[in-house]
């Protein structure tokens, strides 16, 4: 699995949170985190910044990769649904890339290309926090699929 995320200068607590869940994963499960530089916040419009970031993300996507865009307007998914989707994709031999957009969001072109658009809820979350939440949810999904006791719901 890979996570493509816009933004390169995150606070230390973000790295510590993501690293904590990465350490908990078994060695045969890897999550590669790819940081995409955010478009410069000059006089450009939000639309043009999102397009720049979209193009940078698309250059990093691999052929035949399942693309899951995290977006406030996406389908609200449960932890169990995340685990089930990941298991299905793994069973199919698919590679999965999760995309976290920049401060302006995700360009419609990338949303249209995606296999799925998921929301972590109807609240607006800061992008650094989304990284930590996604890292935890990926670990939790693994624990559900592996029968590990971490997930007790």
N, C-alpha and C. Protein backbone atom coordinates (compact mmCIF):
# COMPACT_ATOMS: atom_id res chain seq x y z
N UNK A 1 0.85 -1.18 0.00
CA UNK A 1 0.00 0.00 0.00
C UNK A 1 0.88 1.23 0.00
N UNK A 2 0.33 2.27 -0.60
CA UNK A 2 1.04 3.55 -0.59
C UNK A 2 0.06 4.65 -0.18
N UNK A 3 0.61 5.69 0.42
CA UNK A 3 -0.15 6.90 0.72
C UNK A 3 0.57 8.05 0.04
N UNK A 4 -0.12 8.71 -0.88
CA UNK A 4 0.42 9.90 -1.53
C UNK A 4 -0.26 11.09 -0.88
N UNK A 5 0.54 11.96 -0.29
CA UNK A 5 -0.02 13.05 0.48
C UNK A 5 0.66 14.36 0.13
N UNK A 6 -0.14 15.40 0.01
CA UNK A 6 0.39 16.71 -0.35
C UNK A 6 0.89 17.40 0.92
N UNK A 7 2.09 17.94 0.84
CA UNK A 7 2.69 18.65 1.97
C UNK A 7 3.94 17.94 2.43
N UNK A 8 4.98 18.73 2.72
CA UNK A 8 6.26 18.12 3.08
C UNK A 8 6.80 18.55 4.44
N UNK A 9 6.31 19.60 5.00
CA UNK A 9 6.86 20.06 6.29
C UNK A 9 5.80 19.89 7.38
N UNK A 10 5.74 18.70 7.92
CA UNK A 10 4.75 18.38 8.94
C UNK A 10 5.36 18.54 10.33
N UNK A 11 4.52 18.86 11.31
CA UNK A 11 5.01 18.92 12.69
C UNK A 11 5.53 17.55 13.14
N UNK A 12 6.40 17.55 14.12
CA UNK A 12 7.00 16.30 14.62
C UNK A 12 5.95 15.29 15.08
N UNK A 13 4.85 15.78 15.68
CA UNK A 13 3.85 14.85 16.19
C UNK A 13 3.22 14.01 15.08
N UNK A 14 3.20 14.54 13.86
CA UNK A 14 2.64 13.78 12.73
C UNK A 14 3.55 12.60 12.42
N UNK A 15 4.84 12.86 12.29
CA UNK A 15 5.79 11.77 12.02
C UNK A 15 5.78 10.74 13.13
N UNK A 16 5.72 11.19 14.37
CA UNK A 16 5.70 10.25 15.49
C UNK A 16 4.45 9.38 15.44
N UNK A 17 3.30 9.99 15.14
CA UNK A 17 2.05 9.22 15.06
C UNK A 17 2.07 8.20 13.94
N UNK A 18 2.48 8.63 12.75
CA UNK A 18 2.55 7.72 11.60
C UNK A 18 3.56 6.61 11.88
N UNK A 19 4.72 6.97 12.43
CA UNK A 19 5.76 5.98 12.73
C UNK A 19 5.29 4.95 13.76
N UNK A 20 4.51 5.40 14.72
CA UNK A 20 4.01 4.48 15.75
C UNK A 20 3.20 3.34 15.13
N UNK A 21 2.30 3.69 14.22
CA UNK A 21 1.48 2.64 13.60
C UNK A 21 2.28 1.83 12.59
N UNK A 22 3.26 2.43 11.96
CA UNK A 22 4.13 1.68 11.04
C UNK A 22 4.92 0.62 11.81
N UNK A 23 5.40 0.96 13.01
CA UNK A 23 6.15 0.01 13.83
C UNK A 23 5.29 -1.18 14.26
N UNK A 24 4.01 -0.94 14.43
CA UNK A 24 3.11 -2.00 14.89
C UNK A 24 2.77 -3.01 13.79
N UNK A 25 2.89 -2.59 12.55
CA UNK A 25 2.58 -3.48 11.43
C UNK A 25 3.60 -4.61 11.37
N UNK A 26 3.16 -5.80 10.97
CA UNK A 26 4.15 -6.87 10.78
C UNK A 26 5.08 -6.53 9.63
N UNK A 27 6.24 -7.15 9.62
CA UNK A 27 7.26 -6.82 8.62
C UNK A 27 6.80 -7.05 7.18
N UNK A 28 5.89 -7.97 6.97
CA UNK A 28 5.46 -8.26 5.60
C UNK A 28 4.37 -7.30 5.10
N UNK A 29 3.95 -6.37 5.95
CA UNK A 29 2.96 -5.36 5.54
C UNK A 29 3.65 -4.00 5.57
N UNK A 30 3.78 -3.41 4.41
CA UNK A 30 4.44 -2.10 4.35
C UNK A 30 3.47 -1.07 3.80
N UNK A 31 3.58 0.11 4.36
CA UNK A 31 2.85 1.27 3.86
C UNK A 31 3.90 2.31 3.50
N UNK A 32 3.99 2.61 2.23
CA UNK A 32 4.95 3.60 1.74
C UNK A 32 4.28 4.96 1.73
N UNK A 33 4.91 5.93 2.36
CA UNK A 33 4.38 7.30 2.41
C UNK A 33 5.17 8.16 1.44
N UNK A 34 4.48 8.75 0.48
CA UNK A 34 5.10 9.60 -0.54
C UNK A 34 4.57 11.03 -0.37
N UNK A 35 5.46 11.93 -0.03
CA UNK A 35 5.06 13.33 0.13
C UNK A 35 5.21 14.07 -1.19
N UNK A 36 4.18 14.79 -1.55
CA UNK A 36 4.15 15.61 -2.76
C UNK A 36 4.22 17.06 -2.31
N UNK A 37 5.17 17.84 -2.80
CA UNK A 37 5.23 19.25 -2.39
C UNK A 37 3.92 19.98 -2.72
N UNK A 38 3.46 20.77 -1.77
CA UNK A 38 2.26 21.58 -2.00
C UNK A 38 2.58 22.66 -3.02
N UNK A 39 1.59 23.00 -3.82
CA UNK A 39 1.75 24.07 -4.79
C UNK A 39 1.95 25.38 -4.03
N UNK A 40 2.77 26.25 -4.57
CA UNK A 40 3.06 27.53 -3.92
C UNK A 40 1.78 28.35 -3.76
N UNK A 41 1.62 28.93 -2.61
CA UNK A 41 0.45 29.74 -2.30
C UNK A 41 0.67 31.18 -2.73
N UNK A 42 0.81 31.39 -4.03
CA UNK A 42 1.01 32.74 -4.55
C UNK A 42 -0.36 33.31 -4.94
N UNK A 43 -0.38 34.07 -5.99
CA UNK A 43 -1.65 34.65 -6.42
C UNK A 43 -2.47 33.69 -7.27
N UNK A 44 -1.98 32.48 -7.49
CA UNK A 44 -2.75 31.50 -8.25
C UNK A 44 -4.06 31.18 -7.54
N UNK A 45 -5.00 30.70 -8.30
CA UNK A 45 -6.29 30.32 -7.72
C UNK A 45 -6.18 28.94 -7.07
N UNK A 46 -7.13 28.65 -6.19
CA UNK A 46 -7.17 27.33 -5.57
C UNK A 46 -7.28 26.25 -6.64
N UNK A 47 -8.06 26.52 -7.68
CA UNK A 47 -8.22 25.56 -8.78
C UNK A 47 -6.89 25.23 -9.44
N UNK A 48 -6.08 26.25 -9.71
CA UNK A 48 -4.80 25.99 -10.38
C UNK A 48 -3.82 25.29 -9.44
N UNK A 49 -3.87 25.61 -8.15
CA UNK A 49 -3.01 24.91 -7.19
C UNK A 49 -3.39 23.44 -7.11
N UNK A 50 -4.70 23.17 -7.04
CA UNK A 50 -5.15 21.78 -6.98
C UNK A 50 -4.76 21.02 -8.24
N UNK A 51 -4.83 21.69 -9.40
CA UNK A 51 -4.44 21.04 -10.65
C UNK A 51 -2.95 20.71 -10.65
N UNK A 52 -2.12 21.65 -10.19
CA UNK A 52 -0.68 21.38 -10.09
C UNK A 52 -0.41 20.16 -9.20
N UNK A 53 -1.07 20.12 -8.04
CA UNK A 53 -0.89 19.01 -7.11
C UNK A 53 -1.43 17.71 -7.71
N UNK A 54 -2.55 17.79 -8.41
CA UNK A 54 -3.13 16.63 -9.08
C UNK A 54 -2.15 16.04 -10.08
N UNK A 55 -1.55 16.89 -10.88
CA UNK A 55 -0.60 16.42 -11.89
C UNK A 55 0.62 15.78 -11.25
N UNK A 56 1.08 16.36 -10.14
CA UNK A 56 2.22 15.78 -9.42
C UNK A 56 1.86 14.41 -8.85
N UNK A 57 0.65 14.27 -8.33
CA UNK A 57 0.20 12.98 -7.80
C UNK A 57 0.07 11.97 -8.92
N UNK A 58 -0.55 12.39 -10.03
CA UNK A 58 -0.76 11.46 -11.15
C UNK A 58 0.56 10.94 -11.72
N UNK A 59 1.60 11.76 -11.67
CA UNK A 59 2.92 11.30 -12.14
C UNK A 59 3.46 10.18 -11.24
N UNK A 60 3.04 10.17 -9.99
CA UNK A 60 3.52 9.16 -9.04
C UNK A 60 2.66 7.89 -9.02
N UNK A 61 1.45 7.98 -9.54
CA UNK A 61 0.58 6.81 -9.53
C UNK A 61 1.09 5.77 -10.51
N UNK A 62 0.89 4.52 -10.16
CA UNK A 62 1.35 3.42 -11.01
C UNK A 62 0.17 2.86 -11.80
N UNK A 63 0.48 2.28 -12.95
CA UNK A 63 -0.55 1.65 -13.77
C UNK A 63 -1.26 0.57 -12.96
N UNK A 64 -2.54 0.45 -13.18
CA UNK A 64 -3.37 -0.58 -12.54
C UNK A 64 -3.48 -0.43 -11.02
N UNK A 65 -3.07 0.70 -10.48
CA UNK A 65 -3.16 0.91 -9.04
C UNK A 65 -4.58 1.34 -8.67
N UNK A 66 -5.12 0.73 -7.63
CA UNK A 66 -6.40 1.17 -7.09
C UNK A 66 -6.14 2.49 -6.38
N UNK A 67 -6.91 3.53 -6.73
CA UNK A 67 -6.70 4.86 -6.16
C UNK A 67 -7.89 5.20 -5.27
N UNK A 68 -7.60 5.46 -4.00
CA UNK A 68 -8.62 5.85 -3.04
C UNK A 68 -8.32 7.28 -2.61
N UNK A 69 -9.21 8.19 -2.97
CA UNK A 69 -9.05 9.60 -2.61
C UNK A 69 -9.79 9.85 -1.30
N UNK A 70 -9.11 10.44 -0.34
CA UNK A 70 -9.76 10.86 0.90
C UNK A 70 -10.26 12.28 0.68
N UNK A 71 -11.56 12.46 0.85
CA UNK A 71 -12.18 13.73 0.52
C UNK A 71 -13.41 13.93 1.40
N UNK A 72 -13.62 15.14 1.86
CA UNK A 72 -14.74 15.43 2.75
C UNK A 72 -16.08 15.08 2.09
N UNK A 73 -16.15 15.14 0.77
CA UNK A 73 -17.39 14.82 0.06
C UNK A 73 -17.48 13.35 -0.35
N UNK A 74 -16.50 12.55 0.05
CA UNK A 74 -16.52 11.13 -0.29
C UNK A 74 -17.52 10.37 0.56
N UNK A 75 -17.59 9.08 0.31
CA UNK A 75 -18.47 8.20 1.07
C UNK A 75 -17.89 7.98 2.46
N UNK A 76 -18.69 8.22 3.48
CA UNK A 76 -18.24 7.97 4.85
C UNK A 76 -18.16 6.45 5.02
N UNK A 77 -16.97 5.98 5.39
CA UNK A 77 -16.75 4.54 5.51
C UNK A 77 -16.42 4.17 6.95
N UNK A 78 -16.86 2.99 7.32
CA UNK A 78 -16.54 2.47 8.65
C UNK A 78 -15.18 1.79 8.62
N UNK A 79 -14.65 1.56 9.78
CA UNK A 79 -13.39 0.83 9.89
C UNK A 79 -13.52 -0.56 9.27
N UNK A 80 -14.64 -1.20 9.53
CA UNK A 80 -14.87 -2.54 8.98
C UNK A 80 -14.93 -2.52 7.45
N UNK A 81 -15.52 -1.47 6.89
CA UNK A 81 -15.59 -1.35 5.42
C UNK A 81 -14.19 -1.12 4.84
N UNK A 82 -13.37 -0.35 5.54
CA UNK A 82 -11.98 -0.14 5.10
C UNK A 82 -11.25 -1.49 5.09
N UNK A 83 -11.39 -2.23 6.17
CA UNK A 83 -10.72 -3.54 6.27
C UNK A 83 -11.20 -4.48 5.17
N UNK A 84 -12.50 -4.50 4.92
CA UNK A 84 -13.06 -5.38 3.89
C UNK A 84 -12.56 -5.00 2.50
N UNK A 85 -12.53 -3.70 2.21
CA UNK A 85 -12.04 -3.25 0.90
C UNK A 85 -10.58 -3.62 0.71
N UNK A 86 -9.77 -3.36 1.73
CA UNK A 86 -8.34 -3.68 1.63
C UNK A 86 -8.15 -5.18 1.42
N UNK A 87 -8.90 -5.99 2.16
CA UNK A 87 -8.79 -7.44 2.01
C UNK A 87 -9.17 -7.88 0.59
N UNK A 88 -10.24 -7.31 0.06
CA UNK A 88 -10.68 -7.65 -1.30
C UNK A 88 -9.61 -7.28 -2.31
N UNK A 89 -9.06 -6.08 -2.19
CA UNK A 89 -8.02 -5.65 -3.13
C UNK A 89 -6.78 -6.54 -3.02
N UNK A 90 -6.40 -6.87 -1.79
CA UNK A 90 -5.24 -7.75 -1.60
C UNK A 90 -5.51 -9.13 -2.20
N UNK A 91 -6.71 -9.65 -1.98
CA UNK A 91 -7.06 -10.96 -2.55
C UNK A 91 -7.01 -10.95 -4.07
N UNK A 92 -7.34 -9.79 -4.65
CA UNK A 92 -7.30 -9.64 -6.11
C UNK A 92 -5.90 -9.34 -6.63
N UNK A 93 -4.94 -9.18 -5.71
CA UNK A 93 -3.57 -8.87 -6.11
C UNK A 93 -3.37 -7.42 -6.52
N UNK A 94 -4.30 -6.56 -6.14
CA UNK A 94 -4.22 -5.15 -6.53
C UNK A 94 -3.29 -4.37 -5.61
N UNK A 95 -2.64 -3.38 -6.17
CA UNK A 95 -1.85 -2.42 -5.41
C UNK A 95 -2.78 -1.23 -5.12
N UNK A 96 -2.67 -0.67 -3.92
CA UNK A 96 -3.57 0.39 -3.50
C UNK A 96 -2.79 1.64 -3.17
N UNK A 97 -3.29 2.79 -3.63
CA UNK A 97 -2.72 4.09 -3.29
C UNK A 97 -3.82 4.96 -2.69
N UNK A 98 -3.59 5.41 -1.47
CA UNK A 98 -4.50 6.36 -0.83
C UNK A 98 -3.96 7.76 -1.11
N UNK A 99 -4.85 8.70 -1.39
CA UNK A 99 -4.44 10.06 -1.71
C UNK A 99 -5.04 11.03 -0.70
N UNK A 100 -4.16 11.83 -0.09
CA UNK A 100 -4.58 12.92 0.79
C UNK A 100 -4.19 14.21 0.08
N UNK A 101 -5.16 15.02 -0.24
CA UNK A 101 -4.90 16.26 -0.99
C UNK A 101 -4.29 17.34 -0.13
N UNK A 102 -4.11 18.48 -0.74
CA UNK A 102 -3.55 19.63 -0.05
C UNK A 102 -4.61 20.46 0.65
N UNK A 103 -4.24 21.63 1.15
CA UNK A 103 -5.17 22.49 1.87
C UNK A 103 -6.39 22.91 1.06
N UNK A 104 -6.25 22.96 -0.26
CA UNK A 104 -7.39 23.34 -1.10
C UNK A 104 -8.26 22.15 -1.48
N UNK A 105 -7.81 20.95 -1.17
CA UNK A 105 -8.58 19.76 -1.51
C UNK A 105 -7.96 18.99 -2.66
N UNK A 106 -8.78 18.14 -3.27
CA UNK A 106 -8.35 17.28 -4.37
C UNK A 106 -9.03 17.74 -5.65
N UNK A 107 -8.27 17.88 -6.70
CA UNK A 107 -8.80 18.34 -7.98
C UNK A 107 -9.83 17.34 -8.53
N UNK A 108 -10.91 17.83 -9.14
CA UNK A 108 -11.93 16.93 -9.71
C UNK A 108 -11.37 15.89 -10.69
N UNK A 109 -10.32 16.23 -11.41
CA UNK A 109 -9.71 15.29 -12.36
C UNK A 109 -9.21 14.04 -11.64
N UNK A 110 -8.60 14.23 -10.47
CA UNK A 110 -8.10 13.09 -9.70
C UNK A 110 -9.25 12.32 -9.06
N UNK A 111 -10.26 13.04 -8.61
CA UNK A 111 -11.44 12.36 -8.05
C UNK A 111 -12.09 11.48 -9.11
N UNK A 112 -12.17 11.98 -10.34
CA UNK A 112 -12.79 11.22 -11.43
C UNK A 112 -11.99 9.96 -11.75
N UNK A 113 -10.69 10.03 -11.60
CA UNK A 113 -9.83 8.88 -11.90
C UNK A 113 -9.86 7.83 -10.80
N UNK A 114 -10.27 8.22 -9.62
CA UNK A 114 -10.16 7.33 -8.46
C UNK A 114 -11.12 6.15 -8.54
N UNK A 115 -10.72 5.08 -7.89
CA UNK A 115 -11.56 3.89 -7.75
C UNK A 115 -12.62 4.14 -6.70
N UNK A 116 -12.24 4.86 -5.64
CA UNK A 116 -13.15 5.15 -4.54
C UNK A 116 -12.82 6.52 -3.97
N UNK A 117 -13.85 7.16 -3.44
CA UNK A 117 -13.70 8.43 -2.72
C UNK A 117 -14.27 8.21 -1.33
N UNK A 118 -13.39 8.27 -0.34
CA UNK A 118 -13.80 8.02 1.03
C UNK A 118 -13.67 9.28 1.86
N UNK A 119 -14.56 9.39 2.84
CA UNK A 119 -14.49 10.47 3.81
C UNK A 119 -14.27 9.87 5.18
N UNK A 120 -13.48 10.53 5.98
CA UNK A 120 -13.27 10.10 7.37
C UNK A 120 -14.33 10.68 8.29
N UNK A 121 -15.31 11.34 7.72
CA UNK A 121 -16.41 11.95 8.47
C UNK A 121 -16.78 13.27 7.85
N UNK A 122 -17.84 13.84 8.31
CA UNK A 122 -18.32 15.10 7.73
C UNK A 122 -17.68 16.34 8.37
N UNK A 123 -16.76 16.12 9.27
CA UNK A 123 -16.05 17.27 9.84
C UNK A 123 -14.82 17.56 8.99
N UNK A 124 -14.37 18.79 9.02
CA UNK A 124 -13.15 19.16 8.31
C UNK A 124 -11.97 18.88 9.23
N UNK A 125 -11.03 18.11 8.72
CA UNK A 125 -9.85 17.75 9.50
C UNK A 125 -8.61 18.39 8.89
N UNK A 126 -7.67 18.83 9.72
CA UNK A 126 -6.41 19.33 9.16
C UNK A 126 -5.64 18.18 8.52
N UNK A 127 -4.99 18.47 7.40
CA UNK A 127 -4.30 17.43 6.65
C UNK A 127 -3.25 16.67 7.47
N UNK A 128 -2.50 17.33 8.35
CA UNK A 128 -1.55 16.56 9.17
C UNK A 128 -2.25 15.50 10.02
N UNK A 129 -3.40 15.84 10.59
CA UNK A 129 -4.13 14.90 11.43
C UNK A 129 -4.68 13.74 10.60
N UNK A 130 -5.08 14.01 9.37
CA UNK A 130 -5.58 12.95 8.49
C UNK A 130 -4.51 11.87 8.29
N UNK A 131 -3.26 12.28 8.20
CA UNK A 131 -2.18 11.29 8.04
C UNK A 131 -2.16 10.32 9.21
N UNK A 132 -2.25 10.85 10.41
CA UNK A 132 -2.20 10.00 11.60
C UNK A 132 -3.45 9.12 11.68
N UNK A 133 -4.60 9.70 11.39
CA UNK A 133 -5.84 8.91 11.42
C UNK A 133 -5.78 7.79 10.39
N UNK A 134 -5.33 8.10 9.18
CA UNK A 134 -5.23 7.06 8.16
C UNK A 134 -4.24 5.97 8.57
N UNK A 135 -3.11 6.36 9.13
CA UNK A 135 -2.12 5.36 9.58
C UNK A 135 -2.75 4.43 10.61
N UNK A 136 -3.51 5.00 11.54
CA UNK A 136 -4.17 4.17 12.56
C UNK A 136 -5.22 3.27 11.93
N UNK A 137 -6.00 3.80 11.00
CA UNK A 137 -7.04 3.00 10.36
C UNK A 137 -6.46 1.87 9.51
N UNK A 138 -5.34 2.11 8.87
CA UNK A 138 -4.69 1.04 8.11
C UNK A 138 -4.19 -0.06 9.05
N UNK A 139 -3.65 0.34 10.19
CA UNK A 139 -3.23 -0.65 11.18
C UNK A 139 -4.45 -1.41 11.72
N UNK A 140 -5.50 -0.68 12.03
CA UNK A 140 -6.72 -1.30 12.55
C UNK A 140 -7.32 -2.26 11.52
N UNK A 141 -7.32 -1.85 10.25
CA UNK A 141 -7.83 -2.73 9.19
C UNK A 141 -7.01 -4.01 9.13
N UNK A 142 -5.68 -3.86 9.22
CA UNK A 142 -4.83 -5.06 9.24
C UNK A 142 -5.22 -5.94 10.43
N UNK A 143 -5.42 -5.33 11.61
CA UNK A 143 -5.72 -6.13 12.80
C UNK A 143 -7.04 -6.88 12.65
N UNK A 144 -8.02 -6.26 12.02
CA UNK A 144 -9.30 -6.94 11.77
C UNK A 144 -9.08 -8.12 10.83
N UNK A 145 -8.40 -7.87 9.74
CA UNK A 145 -8.19 -8.92 8.73
C UNK A 145 -7.31 -10.06 9.24
N UNK A 146 -6.41 -9.75 10.17
CA UNK A 146 -5.51 -10.77 10.71
C UNK A 146 -6.06 -11.44 11.97
N UNK A 147 -7.20 -10.95 12.47
CA UNK A 147 -7.75 -11.51 13.70
C UNK A 147 -6.97 -11.09 14.94
N UNK A 148 -6.25 -10.00 14.85
CA UNK A 148 -5.46 -9.47 15.96
C UNK A 148 -6.40 -8.76 16.94
N UNK A 149 -6.14 -8.83 18.24
CA UNK A 149 -7.08 -8.27 19.23
C UNK A 149 -7.09 -6.74 19.33
N UNK A 150 -6.29 -6.00 18.55
CA UNK A 150 -6.29 -4.53 18.66
C UNK A 150 -7.69 -3.96 18.47
N UNK A 151 -8.42 -4.45 17.49
CA UNK A 151 -9.77 -3.95 17.22
C UNK A 151 -10.77 -4.72 18.08
N UNK A 152 -11.39 -4.02 19.01
CA UNK A 152 -12.28 -4.69 19.95
C UNK A 152 -13.74 -4.30 19.78
N UNK A 153 -14.08 -3.63 18.71
CA UNK A 153 -15.47 -3.16 18.54
C UNK A 153 -16.40 -4.29 18.21
